Amino acid sequence: MSRRPFMLCLKIARCALVLGAMLPTHAAQQSEQDDARYAVQAGLALPFQAVRERVARYCGNCELLEAKLHEEKEDGRRFLVYEIKAITPDGQVLKMKIAAANGEILKIKRKGMNPLETR
């Protein structure tokens, strides 16, 4: 696979970050959506619905609070990651990192617990 679409996506994302600080919030959000749409169309990221289904398989009936698509760098390589924040029916907040290219769950953090539970 050519790295050209990936590098172009990264350049667009970087420009969006710089311009996002100068533009009104609505315009910055629109730019982020455009970047995400491009990443999906270029085959660099799964559609959000596929990621949502992955989250639902993991935590069942949890409610999504926030979702972001951004670039991470590890061991000299760059890749796109969905960061998901969700709340479970028992009140735990889950923060998940999911590889955008293939939907692999990379990391999960849990915060909070049901007040009726004991440690």
PDB file of N, CA and C in Angstrom:
ATOM      1  N   MET A   1       0.832  -1.175   0.000  1.00  0.00           N
ATOM      2  CA  MET A   1       0.000   0.000   0.000  1.00  0.00           C
ATOM      3  C   MET A   1       0.882   1.246   0.000  1.00  0.00           C
ATOM      4  N   SER A   2       0.511   2.169  -0.824  1.00  0.00           N
ATOM      5  CA  SER A   2       1.283   3.407  -0.916  1.00  0.00           C
ATOM      6  C   SER A   2       1.128   4.234   0.349  1.00  0.00           C
ATOM      7  N   ARG A   3       2.219   4.854   0.777  1.00  0.00           N
ATOM      8  CA  ARG A   3       2.184   5.704   1.967  1.00  0.00           C
ATOM      9  C   ARG A   3       1.685   7.108   1.622  1.00  0.00           C
ATOM     10  N   ARG A   4       1.542   7.388   0.341  1.00  0.00           N
ATOM     11  CA  ARG A   4       1.153   8.736  -0.068  1.00  0.00           C
ATOM     12  C   ARG A   4      -0.200   9.163   0.510  1.00  0.00           C
ATOM     13  N   PRO A   5      -1.284   8.336   0.411  1.00  0.00           N
ATOM     14  CA  PRO A   5      -2.551   8.774   1.009  1.00  0.00           C
ATOM     15  C   PRO A   5      -2.427   8.992   2.515  1.00  0.00           C
ATOM     16  N   PHE A   6      -1.651   8.155   3.181  1.00  0.00           N
ATOM     17  CA  PHE A   6      -1.484   8.286   4.635  1.00  0.00           C
ATOM     18  C   PHE A   6      -0.777   9.591   4.962  1.00  0.00           C
ATOM     19  N   MET A   7       0.284   9.896   4.230  1.00  0.00           N
ATOM     20  CA  MET A   7       1.039  11.120   4.494  1.00  0.00           C
ATOM     21  C   MET A   7       0.187  12.355   4.178  1.00  0.00           C
ATOM     22  N   LEU A   8      -0.616  12.278   3.115  1.00  0.00           N
ATOM     23  CA  LEU A   8      -1.499  13.388   2.780  1.00  0.00           C
ATOM     24  C   LEU A   8      -2.516  13.600   3.895  1.00  0.00           C
ATOM     25  N   CYS A   9      -3.056  12.510   4.414  1.00  0.00           N
ATOM     26  CA  CYS A   9      -4.013  12.599   5.520  1.00  0.00           C
ATOM     27  C   CYS A   9      -3.357  13.241   6.738  1.00  0.00           C
ATOM     28  N   LEU A  10      -2.114  12.863   7.013  1.00  0.00           N
ATOM     29  CA  LEU A  10      -1.407  13.441   8.155  1.00  0.00           C
ATOM     30  C   LEU A  10      -1.189  14.940   7.969  1.00  0.00           C
ATOM     31  N   LYS A  11      -0.823  15.338   6.747  1.00  0.00           N
ATOM     32  CA  LYS A  11      -0.626  16.763   6.483  1.00  0.00           C
ATOM     33  C   LYS A  11      -1.929  17.528   6.667  1.00  0.00           C
ATOM     34  N   ILE A  12      -3.016  16.959   6.187  1.00  0.00           N
ATOM     35  CA  ILE A  12      -4.323  17.604   6.341  1.00  0.00           C
ATOM     36  C   ILE A  12      -4.675  17.709   7.816  1.00  0.00           C
ATOM     37  N   ALA A  13      -4.431  16.640   8.561  1.00  0.00           N
ATOM     38  CA  ALA A  13      -4.750  16.648   9.992  1.00  0.00           C
ATOM     39  C   ALA A  13      -3.916  17.695  10.724  1.00  0.00           C
ATOM     40  N   ARG A  14      -2.638  17.804  10.381  1.00  0.00           N
ATOM     41  CA  ARG A  14      -1.783  18.813  11.026  1.00  0.00           C
ATOM     42  C   ARG A  14      -2.277  20.227  10.722  1.00  0.00           C
ATOM     43  N   CYS A  15      -2.638  20.458   9.475  1.00  0.00           N
ATOM     44  CA  CYS A  15      -3.165  21.776   9.111  1.00  0.00           C
ATOM     45  C   CYS A  15      -4.451  22.061   9.876  1.00  0.00           C
ATOM     46  N   ALA A  16      -5.280  21.045  10.017  1.00  0.00           N
ATOM     47  CA  ALA A  16      -6.530  21.221  10.754  1.00  0.00           C
ATOM     48  C   ALA A  16      -6.260  21.587  12.203  1.00  0.00           C
ATOM     49  N   LEU A  17      -5.228  20.983  12.786  1.00  0.00           N
ATOM     50  CA  LEU A  17      -4.898  21.309  14.170  1.00  0.00           C
ATOM     51  C   LEU A  17      -4.446  22.755  14.299  1.00  0.00           C
ATOM     52  N   VAL A  18      -3.600  23.196  13.384  1.00  0.00           N
ATOM     53  CA  VAL A  18      -3.102  24.573  13.432  1.00  0.00           C
ATOM     54  C   VAL A  18      -4.244  25.544  13.168  1.00  0.00           C
ATOM     55  N   LEU A  19      -5.018  25.288  12.137  1.00  0.00           N
ATOM     56  CA  LEU A  19      -6.116  26.186  11.803  1.00  0.00           C
ATOM     57  C   LEU A  19      -7.236  26.108  12.832  1.00  0.00           C
ATOM     58  N   GLY A  20      -7.400  24.946  13.433  1.00  0.00           N
ATOM     59  CA  GLY A  20      -8.454  24.764  14.420  1.00  0.00           C
ATOM     60  C   GLY A  20      -8.327  25.711  15.587  1.00  0.00           C
ATOM     61  N   ALA A  21      -7.124  26.065  15.943  1.00  0.00           N
ATOM     62  CA  ALA A  21      -6.911  27.000  17.044  1.00  0.00           C
ATOM     63  C   ALA A  21      -7.332  28.417  16.651  1.00  0.00           C
ATOM     64  N   MET A  22      -7.359  28.690  15.356  1.00  0.00           N
ATOM     65  CA  MET A  22      -7.676  30.040  14.896  1.00  0.00           C
ATOM     66  C   MET A  22      -9.120  30.184  14.421  1.00  0.00           C
ATOM     67  N   LEU A  23      -9.771  29.088  14.096  1.00  0.00           N
ATOM     68  CA  LEU A  23     -11.123  29.146  13.552  1.00  0.00           C
ATOM     69  C   LEU A  23     -12.162  28.987  14.654  1.00  0.00           C
ATOM     70  N   PRO A  24     -13.379  29.414  14.416  1.00  0.00           N
ATOM     71  CA  PRO A  24     -14.446  29.165  15.379  1.00  0.00           C
ATOM     72  C   PRO A  24     -14.636  27.666  15.584  1.00  0.00           C
ATOM     73  N   THR A  25     -15.207  27.303  16.731  1.00  0.00           N
ATOM     74  CA  THR A  25     -15.348  25.897  17.100  1.00  0.00           C
ATOM     75  C   THR A  25     -16.081  25.093  16.036  1.00  0.00           C
ATOM     76  N   HIS A  26     -17.168  25.615  15.503  1.00  0.00           N
ATOM     77  CA  HIS A  26     -17.945  24.873  14.507  1.00  0.00           C
ATOM     78  C   HIS A  26     -17.091  24.531  13.287  1.00  0.00           C
ATOM     79  N   ALA A  27     -16.325  25.487  12.820  1.00  0.00           N
ATOM     80  CA  ALA A  27     -15.476  25.252  11.650  1.00  0.00           C
ATOM     81  C   ALA A  27     -14.407  24.213  11.956  1.00  0.00           C
ATOM     82  N   ALA A  28     -13.844  24.251  13.152  1.00  0.00           N
ATOM     83  CA  ALA A  28     -12.830  23.266  13.530  1.00  0.00           C
ATOM     84  C   ALA A  28     -13.440  21.874  13.595  1.00  0.00           C
ATOM     85  N   GLN A  29     -14.651  21.767  14.145  1.00  0.00           N
ATOM     86  CA  GLN A  29     -15.319  20.464  14.212  1.00  0.00           C
ATOM     87  C   GLN A  29     -15.594  19.939  12.805  1.00  0.00           C
ATOM     88  N   GLN A  30     -16.019  20.829  11.914  1.00  0.00           N
ATOM     89  CA  GLN A  30     -16.287  20.426  10.538  1.00  0.00           C
ATOM     90  C   GLN A  30     -15.007  19.909   9.889  1.00  0.00           C
ATOM     91  N   SER A  31     -13.878  20.574  10.143  1.00  0.00           N
ATOM     92  CA  SER A  31     -12.604  20.149   9.586  1.00  0.00           C
ATOM     93  C   SER A  31     -12.222  18.758  10.097  1.00  0.00           C
ATOM     94  N   GLU A  32     -12.429  18.504  11.389  1.00  0.00           N
ATOM     95  CA  GLU A  32     -12.135  17.184  11.950  1.00  0.00           C
ATOM     96  C   GLU A  32     -12.993  16.118  11.280  1.00  0.00           C
ATOM     97  N   GLN A  33     -14.259  16.441  11.028  1.00  0.00           N
ATOM     98  CA  GLN A  33     -15.146  15.490  10.354  1.00  0.00           C
ATOM     99  C   GLN A  33     -14.668  15.225   8.934  1.00  0.00           C
ATOM    100  N   ASP A  34     -14.230  16.270   8.264  1.00  0.00           N
ATOM    101  CA  ASP A  34     -13.716  16.105   6.903  1.00  0.00           C
ATOM    102  C   ASP A  34     -12.467  15.219   6.902  1.00  0.00           C
ATOM    103  N   ASP A  35     -11.574  15.440   7.862  1.00  0.00           N
ATOM    104  CA  ASP A  35     -10.363  14.626   7.966  1.00  0.00           C
ATOM    105  C   ASP A  35     -10.714  13.159   8.209  1.00  0.00           C
ATOM    106  N   ALA A  36     -11.666  12.926   9.096  1.00  0.00           N
ATOM    107  CA  ALA A  36     -12.081  11.552   9.394  1.00  0.00           C
ATOM    108  C   ALA A  36     -12.714  10.908   8.161  1.00  0.00           C
ATOM    109  N   ARG A  37     -13.546  11.655   7.462  1.00  0.00           N
ATOM    110  CA  ARG A  37     -14.175  11.133   6.243  1.00  0.00           C
ATOM    111  C   ARG A  37     -13.104  10.756   5.215  1.00  0.00           C
ATOM    112  N   TYR A  38     -12.112  11.613   5.055  1.00  0.00           N
ATOM    113  CA  TYR A  38     -11.033  11.323   4.116  1.00  0.00           C
ATOM    114  C   TYR A  38     -10.284  10.056   4.525  1.00  0.00           C
ATOM    115  N   ALA A  39      -9.987   9.918   5.815  1.00  0.00           N
ATOM    116  CA  ALA A  39      -9.252   8.738   6.294  1.00  0.00           C
ATOM    117  C   ALA A  39     -10.028   7.461   5.993  1.00  0.00           C
ATOM    118  N   VAL A  40     -11.342   7.500   6.166  1.00  0.00           N
ATOM    119  CA  VAL A  40     -12.170   6.314   5.866  1.00  0.00           C
ATOM    120  C   VAL A  40     -12.170   6.052   4.363  1.00  0.00           C
ATOM    121  N   GLN A  41     -12.369   7.085   3.558  1.00  0.00           N
ATOM    122  CA  GLN A  41     -12.408   6.921   2.105  1.00  0.00           C
ATOM    123  C   GLN A  41     -11.075   6.431   1.547  1.00  0.00           C
ATOM    124  N   ALA A  42      -9.977   6.837   2.182  1.00  0.00           N
ATOM    125  CA  ALA A  42      -8.647   6.420   1.720  1.00  0.00           C
ATOM    126  C   ALA A  42      -8.268   5.037   2.237  1.00  0.00           C
ATOM    127  N   GLY A  43      -9.123   4.436   3.052  1.00  0.00           N
ATOM    128  CA  GLY A  43      -8.833   3.105   3.578  1.00  0.00           C
ATOM    129  C   GLY A  43      -7.873   3.119   4.759  1.00  0.00           C
ATOM    130  N   LEU A  44      -7.660   4.282   5.363  1.00  0.00           N
ATOM    131  CA  LEU A  44      -6.752   4.391   6.501  1.00  0.00           C
ATOM    132  C   LEU A  44      -7.462   4.141   7.828  1.00  0.00           C
ATOM    133  N   ALA A  45      -8.789   4.208   7.812  1.00  0.00           N
ATOM    134  CA  ALA A  45      -9.566   4.021   9.041  1.00  0.00           C
ATOM    135  C   ALA A  45     -10.871   3.314   8.710  1.00  0.00           C
ATOM    136  N   LEU A  46     -11.320   2.492   9.656  1.00  0.00           N
ATOM    137  CA  LEU A  46     -12.629   1.871   9.533  1.00  0.00           C
ATOM    138  C   LEU A  46     -13.706   2.927   9.731  1.00  0.00           C
ATOM    139  N   PRO A  47     -14.873   2.717   9.129  1.00  0.00           N
ATOM    140  CA  PRO A  47     -15.977   3.632   9.414  1.00  0.00           C
ATOM    141  C   PRO A  47     -16.322   3.582  10.903  1.00  0.00           C
ATOM    142  N   PHE A  48     -16.827   4.697  11.422  1.00  0.00           N
ATOM    143  CA  PHE A  48     -17.125   4.761  12.845  1.00  0.00           C
ATOM    144  C   PHE A  48     -18.141   3.700  13.259  1.00  0.00           C
ATOM    145  N   GLN A  49     -19.085   3.375  12.387  1.00  0.00           N
ATOM    146  CA  GLN A  49     -20.093   2.362  12.732  1.00  0.00           C
ATOM    147  C   GLN A  49     -19.432   1.021  13.058  1.00  0.00           C
ATOM    148  N   ALA A  50     -18.396   0.649  12.333  1.00  0.00           N
ATOM    149  CA  ALA A  50     -17.683  -0.607  12.619  1.00  0.00           C
ATOM    150  C   ALA A  50     -17.011  -0.545  13.994  1.00  0.00           C
ATOM    151  N   VAL A  51     -16.474   0.616  14.329  1.00  0.00           N
ATOM    152  CA  VAL A  51     -15.836   0.797  15.643  1.00  0.00           C
ATOM    153  C   VAL A  51     -16.895   0.756  16.739  1.00  0.00           C
ATOM    154  N   ARG A  52     -18.020   1.391  16.497  1.00  0.00           N
ATOM    155  CA  ARG A  52     -19.126   1.378  17.459  1.00  0.00           C
ATOM    156  C   ARG A  52     -19.593  -0.063  17.726  1.00  0.00           C
ATOM    157  N   GLU A  53     -19.672  -0.867  16.682  1.00  0.00           N
ATOM    158  CA  GLU A  53     -20.067  -2.272  16.847  1.00  0.00           C
ATOM    159  C   GLU A  53     -19.037  -3.035  17.673  1.00  0.00           C
ATOM    160  N   ARG A  54     -17.766  -2.743  17.480  1.00  0.00           N
ATOM    161  CA  ARG A  54     -16.706  -3.377  18.260  1.00  0.00           C
ATOM    162  C   ARG A  54     -16.854  -3.025  19.743  1.00  0.00           C
ATOM    163  N   VAL A  55     -17.117  -1.749  20.027  1.00  0.00           N
ATOM    164  CA  VAL A  55     -17.309  -1.302  21.408  1.00  0.00           C
ATOM    165  C   VAL A  55     -18.520  -2.001  22.017  1.00  0.00           C
ATOM    166  N   ALA A  56     -19.606  -2.100  21.262  1.00  0.00           N
ATOM    167  CA  ALA A  56     -20.814  -2.756  21.759  1.00  0.00           C
ATOM    168  C   ALA A  56     -20.559  -4.226  22.074  1.00  0.00           C
ATOM    169  N   ARG A  57     -19.756  -4.907  21.263  1.00  0.00           N
ATOM    170  CA  ARG A  57     -19.423  -6.316  21.553  1.00  0.00           C
ATOM    171  C   ARG A  57     -18.613  -6.431  22.834  1.00  0.00           C
ATOM    172  N   TYR A  58     -17.791  -5.427  23.100  1.00  0.00           N
ATOM    173  CA  TYR A  58     -16.956  -5.474  24.300  1.00  0.00           C
ATOM    174  C   TYR A  58     -17.746  -5.149  25.565  1.00  0.00           C
ATOM    175  N   CYS A  59     -18.510  -4.062  25.534  1.00  0.00           N
ATOM    176  CA  CYS A  59     -19.143  -3.619  26.784  1.00  0.00           C
ATOM    177  C   CYS A  59     -20.661  -3.660  26.753  1.00  0.00           C
ATOM    178  N   GLY A  60     -21.226  -4.305  25.773  1.00  0.00           N
ATOM    179  CA  GLY A  60     -22.669  -4.505  25.766  1.00  0.00           C
ATOM    180  C   GLY A  60     -23.464  -3.222  25.646  1.00  0.00           C
ATOM    181  N   ASN A  61     -24.207  -2.932  26.675  1.00  0.00           N
ATOM    182  CA  ASN A  61     -25.174  -1.842  26.630  1.00  0.00           C
ATOM    183  C   ASN A  61     -24.597  -0.530  27.146  1.00  0.00           C
ATOM    184  N   CYS A  62     -23.359  -0.214  26.808  1.00  0.00           N
ATOM    185  CA  CYS A  62     -22.779   1.041  27.294  1.00  0.00           C
ATOM    186  C   CYS A  62     -23.172   2.191  26.368  1.00  0.00           C
ATOM    187  N   GLU A  63     -23.116   3.381  26.913  1.00  0.00           N
ATOM    188  CA  GLU A  63     -23.470   4.587  26.173  1.00  0.00           C
ATOM    189  C   GLU A  63     -22.192   5.321  25.780  1.00  0.00           C
ATOM    190  N   LEU A  64     -22.061   5.638  24.495  1.00  0.00           N
ATOM    191  CA  LEU A  64     -20.887   6.372  24.033  1.00  0.00           C
ATOM    192  C   LEU A  64     -20.994   7.834  24.437  1.00  0.00           C
ATOM    193  N   LEU A  65     -19.931   8.345  25.029  1.00  0.00           N
ATOM    194  CA  LEU A  65     -19.889   9.737  25.465  1.00  0.00           C
ATOM    195  C   LEU A  65     -19.093  10.610  24.515  1.00  0.00           C
ATOM    196  N   GLU A  66     -18.016  10.037  23.952  1.00  0.00           N
ATOM    197  CA  GLU A  66     -17.105  10.828  23.124  1.00  0.00           C
ATOM    198  C   GLU A  66     -16.335   9.892  22.205  1.00  0.00           C
ATOM    199  N   ALA A  67     -16.030  10.392  21.017  1.00  0.00           N
ATOM    200  CA  ALA A  67     -15.208   9.625  20.079  1.00  0.00           C
ATOM    201  C   ALA A  67     -14.334  10.595  19.298  1.00  0.00           C
ATOM    202  N   LYS A  68     -13.066  10.248  19.165  1.00  0.00           N
ATOM    203  CA  LYS A  68     -12.115  11.074  18.414  1.00  0.00           C
ATOM    204  C   LYS A  68     -11.249  10.160  17.558  1.00  0.00           C
ATOM    205  N   LEU A  69     -10.865  10.666  16.421  1.00  0.00           N
ATOM    206  CA  LEU A  69      -9.914   9.977  15.551  1.00  0.00           C
ATOM    207  C   LEU A  69      -8.677  10.856  15.489  1.00  0.00           C
ATOM    208  N   HIS A  70      -7.536  10.289  15.845  1.00  0.00           N
ATOM    209  CA  HIS A  70      -6.311  11.083  15.805  1.00  0.00           C
ATOM    210  C   HIS A  70      -5.112  10.194  15.505  1.00  0.00           C
ATOM    211  N   GLU A  71      -3.983  10.836  15.276  1.00  0.00           N
ATOM    212  CA  GLU A  71      -2.742  10.149  14.940  1.00  0.00           C
ATOM    213  C   GLU A  71      -1.925   9.886  16.203  1.00  0.00           C
ATOM    214  N   GLU A  72      -1.315   8.720  16.273  1.00  0.00           N
ATOM    215  CA  GLU A  72      -0.362   8.415  17.338  1.00  0.00           C
ATOM    216  C   GLU A  72       0.931   7.928  16.693  1.00  0.00           C
ATOM    217  N   LYS A  73       1.997   8.030  17.450  1.00  0.00           N
ATOM    218  CA  LYS A  73       3.304   7.603  16.978  1.00  0.00           C
ATOM    219  C   LYS A  73       3.900   6.664  18.022  1.00  0.00           C
ATOM    220  N   GLU A  74       4.400   5.530  17.553  1.00  0.00           N
ATOM    221  CA  GLU A  74       5.012   4.556  18.455  1.00  0.00           C
ATOM    222  C   GLU A  74       6.117   3.824  17.700  1.00  0.00           C
ATOM    223  N   ASP A  75       7.275   3.752  18.304  1.00  0.00           N
ATOM    224  CA  ASP A  75       8.418   3.072  17.698  1.00  0.00           C
ATOM    225  C   ASP A  75       8.708   3.581  16.283  1.00  0.00           C
ATOM    226  N   GLY A  76       8.562   4.894  16.101  1.00  0.00           N
ATOM    227  CA  GLY A  76       8.881   5.497  14.816  1.00  0.00           C
ATOM    228  C   GLY A  76       7.826   5.327  13.747  1.00  0.00           C
ATOM    229  N   ARG A  77       6.719   4.671  14.050  1.00  0.00           N
ATOM    230  CA  ARG A  77       5.666   4.526  13.042  1.00  0.00           C
ATOM    231  C   ARG A  77       4.432   5.296  13.491  1.00  0.00           C
ATOM    232  N   ARG A  78       3.689   5.778  12.521  1.00  0.00           N
ATOM    233  CA  ARG A  78       2.492   6.570  12.787  1.00  0.00           C
ATOM    234  C   ARG A  78       1.263   5.770  12.385  1.00  0.00           C
ATOM    235  N   PHE A  79       0.215   5.938  13.163  1.00  0.00           N
ATOM    236  CA  PHE A  79      -1.031   5.250  12.852  1.00  0.00           C
ATOM    237  C   PHE A  79      -2.201   6.022  13.446  1.00  0.00           C
ATOM    238  N   LEU A  80      -3.379   5.773  12.900  1.00  0.00           N
ATOM    239  CA  LEU A  80      -4.582   6.442  13.373  1.00  0.00           C
ATOM    240  C   LEU A  80      -5.265   5.600  14.445  1.00  0.00           C
ATOM    241  N   VAL A  81      -5.823   6.282  15.435  1.00  0.00           N
ATOM    242  CA  VAL A  81      -6.464   5.624  16.573  1.00  0.00           C
ATOM    243  C   VAL A  81      -7.797   6.308  16.851  1.00  0.00           C
ATOM    244  N   TYR A  82      -8.812   5.492  17.115  1.00  0.00           N
ATOM    245  CA  TYR A  82     -10.062   6.023  17.647  1.00  0.00           C
ATOM    246  C   TYR A  82      -9.932   6.014  19.159  1.00  0.00           C
ATOM    247  N   GLU A  83     -10.200   7.140  19.801  1.00  0.00           N
ATOM    248  CA  GLU A  83     -10.290   7.199  21.259  1.00  0.00           C
ATOM    249  C   GLU A  83     -11.763   7.298  21.598  1.00  0.00           C
ATOM    250  N   ILE A  84     -12.220   6.345  22.372  1.00  0.00           N
ATOM    251  CA  ILE A  84     -13.639   6.236  22.710  1.00  0.00           C
ATOM    252  C   ILE A  84     -13.793   6.376  24.216  1.00  0.00           C
ATOM    253  N   LYS A  85     -14.782   7.153  24.618  1.00  0.00           N
ATOM    254  CA  LYS A  85     -15.141   7.242  26.031  1.00  0.00           C
ATOM    255  C   LYS A  85     -16.600   6.789  26.116  1.00  0.00           C
ATOM    256  N   ALA A  86     -16.866   5.842  27.012  1.00  0.00           N
ATOM    257  CA  ALA A  86     -18.220   5.298  27.166  1.00  0.00           C
ATOM    258  C   ALA A  86     -18.506   5.071  28.641  1.00  0.00           C
ATOM    259  N   ILE A  87     -19.777   4.990  28.969  1.00  0.00           N
ATOM    260  CA  ILE A  87     -20.173   4.696  30.343  1.00  0.00           C
ATOM    261  C   ILE A  87     -21.018   3.428  30.339  1.00  0.00           C
ATOM    262  N   THR A  88     -20.708   2.534  31.269  1.00  0.00           N
ATOM    263  CA  THR A  88     -21.431   1.272  31.376  1.00  0.00           C
ATOM    264  C   THR A  88     -22.703   1.487  32.195  1.00  0.00           C
ATOM    265  N   PRO A  89     -23.661   0.556  32.103  1.00  0.00           N
ATOM    266  CA  PRO A  89     -24.891   0.688  32.892  1.00  0.00           C
ATOM    267  C   PRO A  89     -24.638   0.777  34.403  1.00  0.00           C
ATOM    268  N   ASP A  90     -23.524   0.210  34.877  1.00  0.00           N
ATOM    269  CA  ASP A  90     -23.237   0.275  36.320  1.00  0.00           C
ATOM    270  C   ASP A  90     -22.392   1.494  36.695  1.00  0.00           C
ATOM    271  N   GLY A  91     -22.186   2.423  35.759  1.00  0.00           N
ATOM    272  CA  GLY A  91     -21.544   3.690  36.069  1.00  0.00           C
ATOM    273  C   GLY A  91     -20.047   3.763  35.855  1.00  0.00           C
ATOM    274  N   GLN A  92     -19.435   2.720  35.348  1.00  0.00           N
ATOM    275  CA  GLN A  92     -17.997   2.777  35.060  1.00  0.00           C
ATOM    276  C   GLN A  92     -17.761   3.540  33.758  1.00  0.00           C
ATOM    277  N   VAL A  93     -16.739   4.372  33.771  1.00  0.00           N
ATOM    278  CA  VAL A  93     -16.346   5.087  32.554  1.00  0.00           C
ATOM    279  C   VAL A  93     -15.203   4.307  31.914  1.00  0.00           C
ATOM    280  N   LEU A  94     -15.379   3.961  30.659  1.00  0.00           N
ATOM    281  CA  LEU A  94     -14.356   3.247  29.901  1.00  0.00           C
ATOM    282  C   LEU A  94     -13.696   4.224  28.937  1.00  0.00           C
ATOM    283  N   LYS A  95     -12.378   4.184  28.895  1.00  0.00           N
ATOM    284  CA  LYS A  95     -11.617   4.905  27.875  1.00  0.00           C
ATOM    285  C   LYS A  95     -10.911   3.839  27.058  1.00  0.00           C
ATOM    286  N   MET A  96     -11.207   3.813  25.772  1.00  0.00           N
ATOM    287  CA  MET A  96     -10.653   2.781  24.896  1.00  0.00           C
ATOM    288  C   MET A  96      -9.862   3.430  23.767  1.00  0.00           C
ATOM    289  N   LYS A  97      -8.770   2.783  23.400  1.00  0.00           N
ATOM    290  CA  LYS A  97      -8.026   3.151  22.196  1.00  0.00           C
ATOM    291  C   LYS A  97      -8.175   1.980  21.237  1.00  0.00           C
ATOM    292  N   ILE A  98      -8.611   2.300  20.033  1.00  0.00           N
ATOM    293  CA  ILE A  98      -8.881   1.276  19.032  1.00  0.00           C
ATOM    294  C   ILE A  98      -8.140   1.641  17.753  1.00  0.00           C
ATOM    295  N   ALA A  99      -7.380   0.688  17.216  1.00  0.00           N
ATOM    296  CA  ALA A  99      -6.656   0.922  15.962  1.00  0.00           C
ATOM    297  C   ALA A  99      -7.670   1.203  14.853  1.00  0.00           C
ATOM    298  N   ALA A 100      -7.535   2.346  14.217  1.00  0.00           N
ATOM    299  CA  ALA A 100      -8.497   2.757  13.201  1.00  0.00           C
ATOM    300  C   ALA A 100      -8.440   1.863  11.961  1.00  0.00           C
ATOM    301  N   ALA A 101      -7.276   1.337  11.654  1.00  0.00           N
ATOM    302  CA  ALA A 101      -7.121   0.551  10.423  1.00  0.00           C
ATOM    303  C   ALA A 101      -7.825  -0.794  10.482  1.00  0.00           C
ATOM    304  N   ASN A 102      -7.837  -1.443  11.668  1.00  0.00           N
ATOM    305  CA  ASN A 102      -8.382  -2.796  11.728  1.00  0.00           C
ATOM    306  C   ASN A 102      -9.344  -3.047  12.891  1.00  0.00           C
ATOM    307  N   GLY A 103      -9.572  -2.064  13.747  1.00  0.00           N
ATOM    308  CA  GLY A 103     -10.522  -2.218  14.848  1.00  0.00           C
ATOM    309  C   GLY A 103      -9.985  -2.945  16.066  1.00  0.00           C
ATOM    310  N   GLU A 104      -8.688  -3.206  16.094  1.00  0.00           N
ATOM    311  CA  GLU A 104      -8.105  -3.901  17.248  1.00  0.00           C
ATOM    312  C   GLU A 104      -8.153  -2.987  18.478  1.00  0.00           C
ATOM    313  N   ILE A 105      -8.636  -3.540  19.594  1.00  0.00           N
ATOM    314  CA  ILE A 105      -8.654  -2.788  20.839  1.00  0.00           C
ATOM    315  C   ILE A 105      -7.236  -2.783  21.392  1.00  0.00           C
ATOM    316  N   LEU A 106      -6.651  -1.598  21.493  1.00  0.00           N
ATOM    317  CA  LEU A 106      -5.261  -1.462  21.912  1.00  0.00           C
ATOM    318  C   LEU A 106      -5.126  -1.262  23.419  1.00  0.00           C
ATOM    319  N   LYS A 107      -6.089  -0.560  24.009  1.00  0.00           N
ATOM    320  CA  LYS A 107      -5.972  -0.212  25.419  1.00  0.00           C
ATOM    321  C   LYS A 107      -7.354   0.085  25.979  1.00  0.00           C
ATOM    322  N   ILE A 108      -7.557  -0.306  27.238  1.00  0.00           N
ATOM    323  CA  ILE A 108      -8.812  -0.013  27.927  1.00  0.00           C
ATOM    324  C   ILE A 108      -8.486   0.443  29.338  1.00  0.00           C
ATOM    325  N   LYS A 109      -9.063   1.562  29.731  1.00  0.00           N
ATOM    326  CA  LYS A 109      -8.955   2.034  31.111  1.00  0.00           C
ATOM    327  C   LYS A 109     -10.367   2.120  31.664  1.00  0.00           C
ATOM    328  N   ARG A 110     -10.505   1.714  32.931  1.00  0.00           N
ATOM    329  CA  ARG A 110     -11.798   1.800  33.612  1.00  0.00           C
ATOM    330  C   ARG A 110     -11.672   2.761  34.774  1.00  0.00           C
ATOM    331  N   LYS A 111     -12.688   3.616  34.936  1.00  0.00           N
ATOM    332  CA  LYS A 111     -12.719   4.525  36.079  1.00  0.00           C
ATOM    333  C   LYS A 111     -14.086   4.425  36.721  1.00  0.00           C
ATOM    334  N   GLY A 112     -14.096   4.514  38.049  1.00  0.00           N
ATOM    335  CA  GLY A 112     -15.354   4.494  38.778  1.00  0.00           C
ATOM    336  C   GLY A 112     -15.850   3.085  38.999  1.00  0.00           C
ATOM    337  N   MET A 113     -16.793   2.980  39.873  1.00  0.00           N
ATOM    338  CA  MET A 113     -17.426   1.698  40.110  1.00  0.00           C
ATOM    339  C   MET A 113     -18.811   1.958  40.666  1.00  0.00           C
ATOM    340  N   ASN A 114     -19.646   0.974  40.610  1.00  0.00           N
ATOM    341  CA  ASN A 114     -20.983   1.062  41.152  1.00  0.00           C
ATOM    342  C   ASN A 114     -20.865   1.289  42.650  1.00  0.00           C
ATOM    343  N   PRO A 115     -21.556   2.285  43.213  1.00  0.00           N
ATOM    344  CA  PRO A 115     -21.427   2.562  44.649  1.00  0.00           C
ATOM    345  C   PRO A 115     -21.885   1.408  45.531  1.00  0.00           C
ATOM    346  N   LEU A 116     -22.663   0.482  44.984  1.00  0.00           N
ATOM    347  CA  LEU A 116     -23.116  -0.664  45.774  1.00  0.00           C
ATOM    348  C   LEU A 116     -22.079  -1.785  45.822  1.00  0.00           C
ATOM    349  N   GLU A 117     -21.093  -1.730  44.930  1.00  0.00           N
ATOM    350  CA  GLU A 117     -20.041  -2.755  44.928  1.00  0.00           C
ATOM    351  C   GLU A 117     -19.061  -2.507  46.049  1.00  0.00           C
ATOM    352  N   THR A 118     -18.460  -3.584  46.511  1.00  0.00           N
ATOM    353  CA  THR A 118     -17.394  -3.471  47.510  1.00  0.00           C
ATOM    354  C   THR A 118     -16.098  -3.897  46.866  1.00  0.00           C
ATOM    355  N   ARG A 119     -15.018  -3.424  47.419  1.00  0.00           N
ATOM    356  CA  ARG A 119     -13.713  -3.774  46.855  1.00  0.00           C
ATOM    357  C   ARG A 119     -13.219  -5.067  47.432  1.00  0.00           C
TER     358      ARG A 119
END
